[in-house]
């Protein structure tokens, strides 16, 4: 949850672009996540 996010503990808020891009996807999926620096290709 956003109120518990702490990057030092590798806890990211569900509202962040990375979390939003990953939510609902399965192992093996490759997702394109739009971040300020462009598009990141992330494989779960």
ModelCIF file with pLDDT and N, C-alpha, C, O atoms, coordinates in Angstrom:
data_MODEL
#
_entry.id   MODEL 
#
_entity.id                         1 
_entity.type                       polymer 
_entity.pdbx_number_of_molecules   1 
#
_entity_poly.entity_id                      1 
_entity_poly.type                           'polypeptide(L)' 
_entity_poly.nstd_linkage                   no 
_entity_poly.nstd_monomer                   no 
_entity_poly.pdbx_seq_one_letter_code       
;(UNK)(UNK)(UNK)(UNK)(UNK)(UNK)(UNK)(UNK)(UNK)(UNK)(UNK)(UNK)(UNK)(UNK)(UNK)(UNK)
(UNK)(UNK)(UNK)(UNK)(UNK)(UNK)(UNK)(UNK)(UNK)(UNK)(UNK)(UNK)(UNK)(UNK)(UNK)(UNK)
(UNK)(UNK)(UNK)(UNK)(UNK)(UNK)(UNK)(UNK)(UNK)(UNK)(UNK)(UNK)
;
_entity_poly.pdbx_seq_one_letter_code_can   XXXXXXXXXXXXXXXXXXXXXXXXXXXXXXXXXXXXXXXXXXXX 
_entity_poly.pdbx_strand_id                 A 
#
loop_
_entity_poly_seq.entity_id 
_entity_poly_seq.num 
_entity_poly_seq.mon_id 
_entity_poly_seq.hetero 
1 1  UNK n 
1 2  UNK n 
1 3  UNK n 
1 4  UNK n 
1 5  UNK n 
1 6  UNK n 
1 7  UNK n 
1 8  UNK n 
1 9  UNK n 
1 10 UNK n 
1 11 UNK n 
1 12 UNK n 
1 13 UNK n 
1 14 UNK n 
1 15 UNK n 
1 16 UNK n 
1 17 UNK n 
1 18 UNK n 
1 19 UNK n 
1 20 UNK n 
1 21 UNK n 
1 22 UNK n 
1 23 UNK n 
1 24 UNK n 
1 25 UNK n 
1 26 UNK n 
1 27 UNK n 
1 28 UNK n 
1 29 UNK n 
1 30 UNK n 
1 31 UNK n 
1 32 UNK n 
1 33 UNK n 
1 34 UNK n 
1 35 UNK n 
1 36 UNK n 
1 37 UNK n 
1 38 UNK n 
1 39 UNK n 
1 40 UNK n 
1 41 UNK n 
1 42 UNK n 
1 43 UNK n 
1 44 UNK n 
#
_struct_asym.id          A 
_struct_asym.entity_id   1 
#
loop_
_ma_qa_metric.id 
_ma_qa_metric.mode 
_ma_qa_metric.name 
_ma_qa_metric.software_group_id 
_ma_qa_metric.type 
1 global pLDDT . pLDDT 
2 local  pLDDT . pLDDT 
#
_ma_qa_metric_global.metric_id      1 
_ma_qa_metric_global.metric_value   91.20 
_ma_qa_metric_global.model_id       1 
_ma_qa_metric_global.ordinal_id     1 
#
loop_
_ma_qa_metric_local.label_asym_id 
_ma_qa_metric_local.label_comp_id 
_ma_qa_metric_local.label_seq_id 
_ma_qa_metric_local.metric_id 
_ma_qa_metric_local.metric_value 
_ma_qa_metric_local.model_id 
_ma_qa_metric_local.ordinal_id 
A UNK 1  2 82.00 1 1  
A UNK 2  2 82.00 1 2  
A UNK 3  2 79.00 1 3  
A UNK 4  2 84.00 1 4  
A UNK 5  2 88.00 1 5  
A UNK 6  2 89.00 1 6  
A UNK 7  2 90.00 1 7  
A UNK 8  2 93.00 1 8  
A UNK 9  2 92.00 1 9  
A UNK 10 2 93.00 1 10 
A UNK 11 2 93.00 1 11 
A UNK 12 2 93.00 1 12 
A UNK 13 2 91.00 1 13 
A UNK 14 2 89.00 1 14 
A UNK 15 2 88.00 1 15 
A UNK 16 2 92.00 1 16 
A UNK 17 2 93.00 1 17 
A UNK 18 2 93.00 1 18 
A UNK 19 2 93.00 1 19 
A UNK 20 2 93.00 1 20 
A UNK 21 2 93.00 1 21 
A UNK 22 2 94.00 1 22 
A UNK 23 2 93.00 1 23 
A UNK 24 2 92.00 1 24 
A UNK 25 2 95.00 1 25 
A UNK 26 2 94.00 1 26 
A UNK 27 2 95.00 1 27 
A UNK 28 2 94.00 1 28 
A UNK 29 2 95.00 1 29 
A UNK 30 2 95.00 1 30 
A UNK 31 2 95.00 1 31 
A UNK 32 2 94.00 1 32 
A UNK 33 2 92.00 1 33 
A UNK 34 2 91.00 1 34 
A UNK 35 2 87.00 1 35 
A UNK 36 2 88.00 1 36 
A UNK 37 2 87.00 1 37 
A UNK 38 2 89.00 1 38 
A UNK 39 2 91.00 1 39 
A UNK 40 2 91.00 1 40 
A UNK 41 2 93.00 1 41 
A UNK 42 2 95.00 1 42 
A UNK 43 2 95.00 1 43 
A UNK 44 2 95.00 1 44 
#
loop_
_atom_site.group_PDB 
_atom_site.id 
_atom_site.type_symbol 
_atom_site.label_atom_id 
_atom_site.label_alt_id 
_atom_site.label_comp_id 
_atom_site.label_asym_id 
_atom_site.label_entity_id 
_atom_site.label_seq_id 
_atom_site.pdbx_PDB_ins_code 
_atom_site.Cartn_x 
_atom_site.Cartn_y 
_atom_site.Cartn_z 
_atom_site.occupancy 
_atom_site.B_iso_or_equiv 
_atom_site.pdbx_formal_charge 
_atom_site.auth_seq_id 
_atom_site.auth_comp_id 
_atom_site.auth_asym_id 
_atom_site.auth_atom_id 
_atom_site.pdbx_PDB_model_num 
ATOM 1   N N  . UNK A 1 1  ? 0.851  -1.188  0.000   1.00 82.00 ? 1  UNK A N  1 
ATOM 2   C CA . UNK A 1 1  ? 0.000  0.000   0.000   1.00 82.00 ? 1  UNK A CA 1 
ATOM 3   C C  . UNK A 1 1  ? 0.890  1.243   0.000   1.00 82.00 ? 1  UNK A C  1 
ATOM 4   O O  . UNK A 1 1  ? 2.013  1.209   0.502   1.00 82.00 ? 1  UNK A O  1 
ATOM 5   N N  . UNK A 1 2  ? 0.388  2.321   -0.557  1.00 82.00 ? 2  UNK A N  1 
ATOM 6   C CA . UNK A 1 2  ? 1.175  3.546   -0.660  1.00 82.00 ? 2  UNK A CA 1 
ATOM 7   C C  . UNK A 1 2  ? 1.722  3.996   0.685   1.00 82.00 ? 2  UNK A C  1 
ATOM 8   O O  . UNK A 1 2  ? 2.844  4.497   0.762   1.00 82.00 ? 2  UNK A O  1 
ATOM 9   N N  . UNK A 1 3  ? 0.939  3.822   1.750   1.00 79.00 ? 3  UNK A N  1 
ATOM 10  C CA . UNK A 1 3  ? 1.348  4.290   3.082   1.00 79.00 ? 3  UNK A CA 1 
ATOM 11  C C  . UNK A 1 3  ? 2.479  3.456   3.681   1.00 79.00 ? 3  UNK A C  1 
ATOM 12  O O  . UNK A 1 3  ? 3.076  3.857   4.680   1.00 79.00 ? 3  UNK A O  1 
ATOM 13  N N  . UNK A 1 4  ? 2.781  2.295   3.083   1.00 84.00 ? 4  UNK A N  1 
ATOM 14  C CA . UNK A 1 4  ? 3.818  1.413   3.624   1.00 84.00 ? 4  UNK A CA 1 
ATOM 15  C C  . UNK A 1 4  ? 5.055  1.337   2.730   1.00 84.00 ? 4  UNK A C  1 
ATOM 16  O O  . UNK A 1 4  ? 5.989  0.592   3.028   1.00 84.00 ? 4  UNK A O  1 
ATOM 17  N N  . UNK A 1 5  ? 5.068  2.095   1.649   1.00 88.00 ? 5  UNK A N  1 
ATOM 18  C CA . UNK A 1 5  ? 6.192  2.053   0.712   1.00 88.00 ? 5  UNK A CA 1 
ATOM 19  C C  . UNK A 1 5  ? 7.488  2.500   1.388   1.00 88.00 ? 5  UNK A C  1 
ATOM 20  O O  . UNK A 1 5  ? 7.498  3.448   2.173   1.00 88.00 ? 5  UNK A O  1 
ATOM 21  N N  . UNK A 1 6  ? 8.583  1.800   1.069   1.00 89.00 ? 6  UNK A N  1 
ATOM 22  C CA . UNK A 1 6  ? 9.894  2.120   1.618   1.00 89.00 ? 6  UNK A CA 1 
ATOM 23  C C  . UNK A 1 6  ? 10.932 1.504   0.678   1.00 89.00 ? 6  UNK A C  1 
ATOM 24  O O  . UNK A 1 6  ? 11.172 0.297   0.712   1.00 89.00 ? 6  UNK A O  1 
ATOM 25  N N  . UNK A 1 7  ? 11.535 2.330   -0.147  1.00 90.00 ? 7  UNK A N  1 
ATOM 26  C CA . UNK A 1 7  ? 12.450 1.825   -1.168  1.00 90.00 ? 7  UNK A CA 1 
ATOM 27  C C  . UNK A 1 7  ? 13.675 1.125   -0.572  1.00 90.00 ? 7  UNK A C  1 
ATOM 28  O O  . UNK A 1 7  ? 14.200 0.187   -1.172  1.00 90.00 ? 7  UNK A O  1 
ATOM 29  N N  . UNK A 1 8  ? 14.134 1.571   0.603   1.00 93.00 ? 8  UNK A N  1 
ATOM 30  C CA . UNK A 1 8  ? 15.278 0.916   1.249   1.00 93.00 ? 8  UNK A CA 1 
ATOM 31  C C  . UNK A 1 8  ? 14.964 -0.538  1.564   1.00 93.00 ? 8  UNK A C  1 
ATOM 32  O O  . UNK A 1 8  ? 15.850 -1.392  1.520   1.00 93.00 ? 8  UNK A O  1 
ATOM 33  N N  . UNK A 1 9  ? 13.697 -0.824  1.882   1.00 92.00 ? 9  UNK A N  1 
ATOM 34  C CA . UNK A 1 9  ? 13.266 -2.192  2.185   1.00 92.00 ? 9  UNK A CA 1 
ATOM 35  C C  . UNK A 1 9  ? 12.733 -2.904  0.941   1.00 92.00 ? 9  UNK A C  1 
ATOM 36  O O  . UNK A 1 9  ? 12.172 -3.996  1.032   1.00 92.00 ? 9  UNK A O  1 
ATOM 37  N N  . UNK A 1 10 ? 12.915 -2.274  -0.221  1.00 93.00 ? 10 UNK A N  1 
ATOM 38  C CA . UNK A 1 10 ? 12.438 -2.794  -1.505  1.00 93.00 ? 10 UNK A CA 1 
ATOM 39  C C  . UNK A 1 10 ? 10.921 -3.009  -1.509  1.00 93.00 ? 10 UNK A C  1 
ATOM 40  O O  . UNK A 1 10 ? 10.419 -3.991  -2.055  1.00 93.00 ? 10 UNK A O  1 
ATOM 41  N N  . UNK A 1 11 ? 10.209 -2.072  -0.890  1.00 93.00 ? 11 UNK A N  1 
ATOM 42  C CA . UNK A 1 11 ? 8.749  -2.083  -0.875  1.00 93.00 ? 11 UNK A CA 1 
ATOM 43  C C  . UNK A 1 11 ? 8.288  -0.905  -1.720  1.00 93.00 ? 11 UNK A C  1 
ATOM 44  O O  . UNK A 1 11 ? 8.517  0.253   -1.372  1.00 93.00 ? 11 UNK A O  1 
ATOM 45  N N  . UNK A 1 12 ? 7.628  -1.219  -2.848  1.00 93.00 ? 12 UNK A N  1 
ATOM 46  C CA . UNK A 1 12 ? 7.168  -0.132  -3.712  1.00 93.00 ? 12 UNK A CA 1 
ATOM 47  C C  . UNK A 1 12 ? 5.646  0.006   -3.613  1.00 93.00 ? 12 UNK A C  1 
ATOM 48  O O  . UNK A 1 12 ? 4.919  -0.973  -3.442  1.00 93.00 ? 12 UNK A O  1 
ATOM 49  N N  . UNK A 1 13 ? 5.201  1.235   -3.725  1.00 91.00 ? 13 UNK A N  1 
ATOM 50  C CA . UNK A 1 13 ? 3.778  1.546   -3.623  1.00 91.00 ? 13 UNK A CA 1 
ATOM 51  C C  . UNK A 1 13 ? 3.024  0.972   -4.821  1.00 91.00 ? 13 UNK A C  1 
ATOM 52  O O  . UNK A 1 13 ? 3.525  0.961   -5.945  1.00 91.00 ? 13 UNK A O  1 
ATOM 53  N N  . UNK A 1 14 ? 1.824  0.501   -4.553  1.00 89.00 ? 14 UNK A N  1 
ATOM 54  C CA . UNK A 1 14 ? 1.005  -0.087  -5.623  1.00 89.00 ? 14 UNK A CA 1 
ATOM 55  C C  . UNK A 1 14 ? 0.627  0.946   -6.686  1.00 89.00 ? 14 UNK A C  1 
ATOM 56  O O  . UNK A 1 14 ? 0.216  0.575   -7.785  1.00 89.00 ? 14 UNK A O  1 
ATOM 57  N N  . UNK A 1 15 ? 0.760  2.227   -6.373  1.00 88.00 ? 15 UNK A N  1 
ATOM 58  C CA . UNK A 1 15 ? 0.406  3.273   -7.335  1.00 88.00 ? 15 UNK A CA 1 
ATOM 59  C C  . UNK A 1 15 ? 1.565  3.670   -8.252  1.00 88.00 ? 15 UNK A C  1 
ATOM 60  O O  . UNK A 1 15 ? 1.380  4.480   -9.160  1.00 88.00 ? 15 UNK A O  1 
ATOM 61  N N  . UNK A 1 16 ? 2.763  3.109   -8.025  1.00 92.00 ? 16 UNK A N  1 
ATOM 62  C CA . UNK A 1 16 ? 3.919  3.471   -8.859  1.00 92.00 ? 16 UNK A CA 1 
ATOM 63  C C  . UNK A 1 16 ? 3.770  2.855   -10.255 1.00 92.00 ? 16 UNK A C  1 
ATOM 64  O O  . UNK A 1 16 ? 3.084  1.846   -10.420 1.00 92.00 ? 16 UNK A O  1 
ATOM 65  N N  . UNK A 1 17 ? 4.409  3.460   -11.252 1.00 93.00 ? 17 UNK A N  1 
ATOM 66  C CA . UNK A 1 17 ? 4.311  2.915   -12.612 1.00 93.00 ? 17 UNK A CA 1 
ATOM 67  C C  . UNK A 1 17 ? 4.757  1.453   -12.707 1.00 93.00 ? 17 UNK A C  1 
ATOM 68  O O  . UNK A 1 17 ? 4.128  0.663   -13.412 1.00 93.00 ? 17 UNK A O  1 
ATOM 69  N N  . UNK A 1 18 ? 5.837  1.085   -12.002 1.00 93.00 ? 18 UNK A N  1 
ATOM 70  C CA . UNK A 1 18 ? 6.321  -0.301  -12.069 1.00 93.00 ? 18 UNK A CA 1 
ATOM 71  C C  . UNK A 1 18 ? 5.272  -1.255  -11.503 1.00 93.00 ? 18 UNK A C  1 
ATOM 72  O O  . UNK A 1 18 ? 4.939  -2.261  -12.129 1.00 93.00 ? 18 UNK A O  1 
ATOM 73  N N  . UNK A 1 19 ? 4.752  -0.935  -10.312 1.00 93.00 ? 19 UNK A N  1 
ATOM 74  C CA . UNK A 1 19 ? 3.730  -1.800  -9.701  1.00 93.00 ? 19 UNK A CA 1 
ATOM 75  C C  . UNK A 1 19 ? 2.488  -1.875  -10.584 1.00 93.00 ? 19 UNK A C  1 
ATOM 76  O O  . UNK A 1 19 ? 1.939  -2.956  -10.794 1.00 93.00 ? 19 UNK A O  1 
ATOM 77  N N  . UNK A 1 20 ? 2.050  -0.742  -11.095 1.00 93.00 ? 20 UNK A N  1 
ATOM 78  C CA . UNK A 1 20 ? 0.869  -0.725  -11.952 1.00 93.00 ? 20 UNK A CA 1 
ATOM 79  C C  . UNK A 1 20 ? 1.071  -1.596  -13.194 1.00 93.00 ? 20 UNK A C  1 
ATOM 80  O O  . UNK A 1 20 ? 0.147  -2.274  -13.642 1.00 93.00 ? 20 UNK A O  1 
ATOM 81  N N  . UNK A 1 21 ? 2.285  -1.568  -13.743 1.00 93.00 ? 21 UNK A N  1 
ATOM 82  C CA . UNK A 1 21 ? 2.584  -2.374  -14.923 1.00 93.00 ? 21 UNK A CA 1 
ATOM 83  C C  . UNK A 1 21 ? 2.614  -3.869  -14.634 1.00 93.00 ? 21 UNK A C  1 
ATOM 84  O O  . UNK A 1 21 ? 2.317  -4.679  -15.512 1.00 93.00 ? 21 UNK A O  1 
ATOM 85  N N  . UNK A 1 22 ? 2.973  -4.239  -13.397 1.00 94.00 ? 22 UNK A N  1 
ATOM 86  C CA . UNK A 1 22 ? 3.098  -5.656  -13.037 1.00 94.00 ? 22 UNK A CA 1 
ATOM 87  C C  . UNK A 1 22 ? 1.792  -6.275  -12.544 1.00 94.00 ? 22 UNK A C  1 
ATOM 88  O O  . UNK A 1 22 ? 1.549  -7.462  -12.763 1.00 94.00 ? 22 UNK A O  1 
ATOM 89  N N  . UNK A 1 23 ? 0.954  -5.485  -11.884 1.00 93.00 ? 23 UNK A N  1 
ATOM 90  C CA . UNK A 1 23 ? -0.277 -6.011  -11.286 1.00 93.00 ? 23 UNK A CA 1 
ATOM 91  C C  . UNK A 1 23 ? -1.130 -6.768  -12.300 1.00 93.00 ? 23 UNK A C  1 
ATOM 92  O O  . UNK A 1 23 ? -1.389 -6.285  -13.403 1.00 93.00 ? 23 UNK A O  1 
ATOM 93  N N  . UNK A 1 24 ? -1.561 -7.964  -11.901 1.00 92.00 ? 24 UNK A N  1 
ATOM 94  C CA . UNK A 1 24 ? -2.427 -8.778  -12.755 1.00 92.00 ? 24 UNK A CA 1 
ATOM 95  C C  . UNK A 1 24 ? -1.697 -9.696  -13.723 1.00 92.00 ? 24 UNK A C  1 
ATOM 96  O O  . UNK A 1 24 ? -2.329 -10.533 -14.368 1.00 92.00 ? 24 UNK A O  1 
ATOM 97  N N  . UNK A 1 25 ? -0.385 -9.560  -13.839 1.00 95.00 ? 25 UNK A N  1 
ATOM 98  C CA . UNK A 1 25 ? 0.383  -10.397 -14.770 1.00 95.00 ? 25 UNK A CA 1 
ATOM 99  C C  . UNK A 1 25 ? 0.928  -11.641 -14.079 1.00 95.00 ? 25 UNK A C  1 
ATOM 100 O O  . UNK A 1 25 ? 0.983  -11.713 -12.851 1.00 95.00 ? 25 UNK A O  1 
ATOM 101 N N  . UNK A 1 26 ? 1.338  -12.636 -14.902 1.00 94.00 ? 26 UNK A N  1 
ATOM 102 C CA . UNK A 1 26 ? 1.798  -13.932 -14.396 1.00 94.00 ? 26 UNK A CA 1 
ATOM 103 C C  . UNK A 1 26 ? 3.292  -14.116 -14.608 1.00 94.00 ? 26 UNK A C  1 
ATOM 104 O O  . UNK A 1 26 ? 3.937  -13.349 -15.323 1.00 94.00 ? 26 UNK A O  1 
ATOM 105 N N  . UNK A 1 27 ? 3.830  -15.156 -13.968 1.00 95.00 ? 27 UNK A N  1 
ATOM 106 C CA . UNK A 1 27 ? 5.230  -15.523 -14.169 1.00 95.00 ? 27 UNK A CA 1 
ATOM 107 C C  . UNK A 1 27 ? 5.442  -15.806 -15.652 1.00 95.00 ? 27 UNK A C  1 
ATOM 108 O O  . UNK A 1 27 ? 4.632  -16.485 -16.282 1.00 95.00 ? 27 UNK A O  1 
ATOM 109 N N  . UNK A 1 28 ? 6.522  -15.289 -16.200 1.00 94.00 ? 28 UNK A N  1 
ATOM 110 C CA . UNK A 1 28 ? 6.834  -15.484 -17.618 1.00 94.00 ? 28 UNK A CA 1 
ATOM 111 C C  . UNK A 1 28 ? 6.378  -14.330 -18.487 1.00 94.00 ? 28 UNK A C  1 
ATOM 112 O O  . UNK A 1 28 ? 6.887  -14.156 -19.594 1.00 94.00 ? 28 UNK A O  1 
ATOM 113 N N  . UNK A 1 29 ? 5.423  -13.529 -18.006 1.00 95.00 ? 29 UNK A N  1 
ATOM 114 C CA . UNK A 1 29 ? 4.960  -12.373 -18.778 1.00 95.00 ? 29 UNK A CA 1 
ATOM 115 C C  . UNK A 1 29 ? 6.072  -11.333 -18.882 1.00 95.00 ? 29 UNK A C  1 
ATOM 116 O O  . UNK A 1 29 ? 6.812  -11.100 -17.926 1.00 95.00 ? 29 UNK A O  1 
ATOM 117 N N  . UNK A 1 30 ? 6.176  -10.715 -20.054 1.00 95.00 ? 30 UNK A N  1 
ATOM 118 C CA . UNK A 1 30 ? 7.073  -9.584  -20.239 1.00 95.00 ? 30 UNK A CA 1 
ATOM 119 C C  . UNK A 1 30 ? 6.166  -8.373  -20.429 1.00 95.00 ? 30 UNK A C  1 
ATOM 120 O O  . UNK A 1 30 ? 5.344  -8.340  -21.346 1.00 95.00 ? 30 UNK A O  1 
ATOM 121 N N  . UNK A 1 31 ? 6.320  -7.384  -19.562 1.00 95.00 ? 31 UNK A N  1 
ATOM 122 C CA . UNK A 1 31 ? 5.453  -6.213  -19.618 1.00 95.00 ? 31 UNK A CA 1 
ATOM 123 C C  . UNK A 1 31 ? 6.261  -4.963  -19.939 1.00 95.00 ? 31 UNK A C  1 
ATOM 124 O O  . UNK A 1 31 ? 7.410  -4.820  -19.522 1.00 95.00 ? 31 UNK A O  1 
ATOM 125 N N  . UNK A 1 32 ? 5.644  -4.078  -20.678 1.00 94.00 ? 32 UNK A N  1 
ATOM 126 C CA . UNK A 1 32 ? 6.246  -2.776  -20.969 1.00 94.00 ? 32 UNK A CA 1 
ATOM 127 C C  . UNK A 1 32 ? 5.693  -1.800  -19.941 1.00 94.00 ? 32 UNK A C  1 
ATOM 128 O O  . UNK A 1 32 ? 4.480  -1.617  -19.830 1.00 94.00 ? 32 UNK A O  1 
ATOM 129 N N  . UNK A 1 33 ? 6.590  -1.179  -19.194 1.00 92.00 ? 33 UNK A N  1 
ATOM 130 C CA . UNK A 1 33 ? 6.180  -0.245  -18.155 1.00 92.00 ? 33 UNK A CA 1 
ATOM 131 C C  . UNK A 1 33 ? 6.662  1.145   -18.543 1.00 92.00 ? 33 UNK A C  1 
ATOM 132 O O  . UNK A 1 33 ? 7.848  1.365   -18.791 1.00 92.00 ? 33 UNK A O  1 
ATOM 133 N N  . UNK A 1 34 ? 5.713  2.078   -18.589 1.00 91.00 ? 34 UNK A N  1 
ATOM 134 C CA . UNK A 1 34 ? 6.058  3.456   -18.935 1.00 91.00 ? 34 UNK A CA 1 
ATOM 135 C C  . UNK A 1 34 ? 6.540  4.160   -17.671 1.00 91.00 ? 34 UNK A C  1 
ATOM 136 O O  . UNK A 1 34 ? 5.792  4.314   -16.706 1.00 91.00 ? 34 UNK A O  1 
ATOM 137 N N  . UNK A 1 35 ? 7.800  4.583   -17.693 1.00 87.00 ? 35 UNK A N  1 
ATOM 138 C CA . UNK A 1 35 ? 8.409  5.325   -16.588 1.00 87.00 ? 35 UNK A CA 1 
ATOM 139 C C  . UNK A 1 35 ? 8.887  6.670   -17.142 1.00 87.00 ? 35 UNK A C  1 
ATOM 140 O O  . UNK A 1 35 ? 8.964  6.842   -18.358 1.00 87.00 ? 35 UNK A O  1 
ATOM 141 N N  . UNK A 1 36 ? 9.206  7.614   -16.271 1.00 88.00 ? 36 UNK A N  1 
ATOM 142 C CA . UNK A 1 36 ? 9.624  8.933   -16.772 1.00 88.00 ? 36 UNK A CA 1 
ATOM 143 C C  . UNK A 1 36 ? 10.752 8.891   -17.808 1.00 88.00 ? 36 UNK A C  1 
ATOM 144 O O  . UNK A 1 36 ? 10.797 9.732   -18.705 1.00 88.00 ? 36 UNK A O  1 
ATOM 145 N N  . UNK A 1 37 ? 11.662 7.919   -17.689 1.00 87.00 ? 37 UNK A N  1 
ATOM 146 C CA . UNK A 1 37 ? 12.790 7.860   -18.633 1.00 87.00 ? 37 UNK A CA 1 
ATOM 147 C C  . UNK A 1 37 ? 12.456 7.105   -19.923 1.00 87.00 ? 37 UNK A C  1 
ATOM 148 O O  . UNK A 1 37 ? 13.323 6.955   -20.784 1.00 87.00 ? 37 UNK A O  1 
ATOM 149 N N  . UNK A 1 38 ? 11.225 6.629   -20.069 1.00 89.00 ? 38 UNK A N  1 
ATOM 150 C CA . UNK A 1 38 ? 10.837 5.899   -21.283 1.00 89.00 ? 38 UNK A CA 1 
ATOM 151 C C  . UNK A 1 38 ? 10.059 4.646   -20.959 1.00 89.00 ? 38 UNK A C  1 
ATOM 152 O O  . UNK A 1 38 ? 9.236  4.632   -20.043 1.00 89.00 ? 38 UNK A O  1 
ATOM 153 N N  . UNK A 1 39 ? 10.324 3.581   -21.723 1.00 91.00 ? 39 UNK A N  1 
ATOM 154 C CA . UNK A 1 39 ? 9.633  2.303   -21.521 1.00 91.00 ? 39 UNK A CA 1 
ATOM 155 C C  . UNK A 1 39 ? 10.633 1.275   -21.002 1.00 91.00 ? 39 UNK A C  1 
ATOM 156 O O  . UNK A 1 39 ? 11.719 1.107   -21.556 1.00 91.00 ? 39 UNK A O  1 
ATOM 157 N N  . UNK A 1 40 ? 10.241 0.586   -19.920 1.00 91.00 ? 40 UNK A N  1 
ATOM 158 C CA . UNK A 1 40 ? 11.074 -0.498  -19.384 1.00 91.00 ? 40 UNK A CA 1 
ATOM 159 C C  . UNK A 1 40 ? 10.414 -1.814  -19.739 1.00 91.00 ? 40 UNK A C  1 
ATOM 160 O O  . UNK A 1 40 ? 9.203  -1.971  -19.582 1.00 91.00 ? 40 UNK A O  1 
ATOM 161 N N  . UNK A 1 41 ? 11.208 -2.762  -20.221 1.00 93.00 ? 41 UNK A N  1 
ATOM 162 C CA . UNK A 1 41 ? 10.713 -4.120  -20.473 1.00 93.00 ? 41 UNK A CA 1 
ATOM 163 C C  . UNK A 1 41 ? 11.076 -4.959  -19.261 1.00 93.00 ? 41 UNK A C  1 
ATOM 164 O O  . UNK A 1 41 ? 12.253 -5.173  -18.970 1.00 93.00 ? 41 UNK A O  1 
ATOM 165 N N  . UNK A 1 42 ? 10.051 -5.435  -18.553 1.00 95.00 ? 42 UNK A N  1 
ATOM 166 C CA . UNK A 1 42 ? 10.268 -6.221  -17.345 1.00 95.00 ? 42 UNK A CA 1 
ATOM 167 C C  . UNK A 1 42 ? 9.656  -7.602  -17.501 1.00 95.00 ? 42 UNK A C  1 
ATOM 168 O O  . UNK A 1 42 ? 8.500  -7.738  -17.902 1.00 95.00 ? 42 UNK A O  1 
ATOM 169 N N  . UNK A 1 43 ? 10.433 -8.619  -17.184 1.00 95.00 ? 43 UNK A N  1 
ATOM 170 C CA . UNK A 1 43 ? 9.947  -9.986  -17.220 1.00 95.00 ? 43 UNK A CA 1 
ATOM 171 C C  . UNK A 1 43 ? 9.712  -10.469 -15.795 1.00 95.00 ? 43 UNK A C  1 
ATOM 172 O O  . UNK A 1 43 ? 10.581 -10.328 -14.935 1.00 95.00 ? 43 UNK A O  1 
ATOM 173 N N  . UNK A 1 44 ? 8.536  -11.037 -15.548 1.00 95.00 ? 44 UNK A N  1 
ATOM 174 C CA . UNK A 1 44 ? 8.227  -11.534 -14.224 1.00 95.00 ? 44 UNK A CA 1 
ATOM 175 C C  . UNK A 1 44 ? 8.807  -12.934 -14.081 1.00 95.00 ? 44 UNK A C  1 
ATOM 176 O O  . UNK A 1 44 ? 8.664  -13.556 -13.028 1.00 95.00 ? 44 UNK A O  1 
#
